Amino acid sequence: MAAVLVVAEKRGRISKDDAARAVEILPSLPSRADGGSLENLITIRLLTCEHQLSAYDACYLELAQRIGLAGSFLVCFDGSENKQSLRRLG
């Protein structure tokens, strides 16, 4: 989350105050950690090659597929072609 907030703030998508507020409320949101495995890395590598995604984006796609969100949309703020692929695949 830190990377997302820092980049959004640097690119002017959110204000410094909005980023600070997000940091304050994040601990109250339901979340869980995912340990992953070697099989996840194999799938992530295949997704990067097949869909021209960064490893970072492929990680999110792999997780969404693995936990059963394949029919959903992954939200992103980047309009690049690769991110459009990620949206459709999510």
Protein backbone atom coordinates (compact mmCIF):
# COMPACT_ATOMS: atom_id res chain seq x y z
CA MET A 1 0.00 0.00 0.00
CA ALA A 2 2.87 2.35 0.68
CA ALA A 3 4.00 2.20 -2.95
CA VAL A 4 0.49 2.87 -4.23
CA LEU A 5 0.02 5.90 -1.98
CA VAL A 6 3.45 7.36 -2.71
CA VAL A 7 3.04 7.04 -6.48
CA ALA A 8 -0.51 8.41 -6.42
CA GLU A 9 0.64 11.40 -4.40
CA LYS A 10 3.70 12.03 -6.61
CA ARG A 11 1.55 11.93 -9.74
CA GLY A 12 -0.98 14.33 -8.25
CA ARG A 13 -3.80 11.78 -8.13
CA ILE A 14 -4.31 12.28 -4.41
CA SER A 15 -3.32 15.04 -2.05
CA LYS A 16 -0.85 14.74 0.82
CA ASP A 17 -3.82 14.96 3.21
CA ASP A 18 -5.67 12.15 1.38
CA ALA A 19 -2.58 9.94 1.57
CA ALA A 20 -2.24 10.63 5.30
CA ARG A 21 -5.93 9.82 5.83
CA ALA A 22 -5.56 6.54 3.92
CA VAL A 23 -2.68 5.55 6.19
CA GLU A 24 -4.87 6.30 9.21
CA ILE A 25 -7.85 4.21 8.08
CA LEU A 26 -6.01 1.26 6.49
CA PRO A 27 -5.46 -0.58 9.79
CA SER A 28 -9.23 -0.60 10.41
CA LEU A 29 -9.99 -2.33 7.10
CA PRO A 30 -10.35 -6.12 6.99
CA SER A 31 -7.25 -7.67 5.46
CA ARG A 32 -5.17 -10.82 5.46
CA ALA A 33 -1.63 -11.71 4.47
CA ASP A 34 -0.98 -14.17 1.68
CA GLY A 35 2.10 -16.36 2.04
CA GLY A 36 2.24 -17.59 -1.56
CA SER A 37 4.34 -20.51 -2.76
CA LEU A 38 6.70 -21.60 -5.51
CA GLU A 39 3.71 -22.55 -7.68
CA ASN A 40 2.52 -18.94 -7.43
CA LEU A 41 5.85 -17.74 -8.83
CA ILE A 42 5.55 -20.11 -11.79
CA THR A 43 2.05 -18.82 -12.56
CA ILE A 44 3.12 -15.19 -12.13
CA ARG A 45 5.97 -15.67 -14.59
CA LEU A 46 3.61 -17.23 -17.13
CA LEU A 47 1.11 -14.37 -16.73
CA THR A 48 3.84 -11.75 -17.29
CA CYS A 49 4.85 -13.42 -20.55
CA GLU A 50 1.38 -14.23 -21.82
CA HIS A 51 -0.16 -10.81 -21.17
CA GLN A 52 2.90 -8.50 -21.23
CA LEU A 53 2.34 -7.53 -17.58
CA SER A 54 4.88 -6.40 -15.03
CA ALA A 55 5.59 -8.93 -12.30
CA TYR A 56 3.90 -6.51 -9.88
CA ASP A 57 0.65 -6.52 -11.89
CA ALA A 58 0.83 -10.26 -12.53
CA CYS A 59 1.03 -10.84 -8.76
CA TYR A 60 -2.31 -9.10 -8.30
CA LEU A 61 -3.86 -11.02 -11.18
CA GLU A 62 -2.57 -14.37 -9.89
CA LEU A 63 -3.94 -13.63 -6.41
CA ALA A 64 -7.33 -12.60 -7.80
CA GLN A 65 -7.55 -15.80 -9.83
CA ARG A 66 -6.42 -17.98 -6.93
CA ILE A 67 -8.93 -16.61 -4.41
CA GLY A 68 -11.81 -16.76 -6.86
CA LEU A 69 -12.14 -13.18 -8.08
CA ALA A 70 -11.62 -14.09 -11.74
CA GLY A 71 -15.01 -12.69 -12.76
CA SER A 72 -14.35 -9.39 -11.02
CA PHE A 73 -12.46 -6.29 -12.11
CA LEU A 74 -9.11 -5.22 -10.76
CA VAL A 75 -9.03 -1.48 -10.28
CA CYS A 76 -6.09 0.56 -11.47
CA PHE A 77 -5.47 4.19 -12.31
CA ASP A 78 -2.99 3.68 -15.14
CA GLY A 79 -4.37 3.92 -18.67
CA SER A 80 -1.54 1.99 -20.32
CA GLU A 81 -2.24 -0.92 -22.64
CA ASN A 82 -0.86 -3.45 -20.16
CA LYS A 83 -3.14 -2.18 -17.42
CA GLN A 84 -6.11 -2.43 -19.78
CA SER A 85 -5.25 -6.11 -20.23
CA LEU A 86 -5.12 -6.52 -16.48
CA ARG A 87 -8.58 -5.01 -16.13
CA ARG A 88 -10.10 -7.37 -18.70
CA LEU A 89 -8.42 -10.44 -17.23
CA GLY A 90 -9.41 -9.64 -13.66
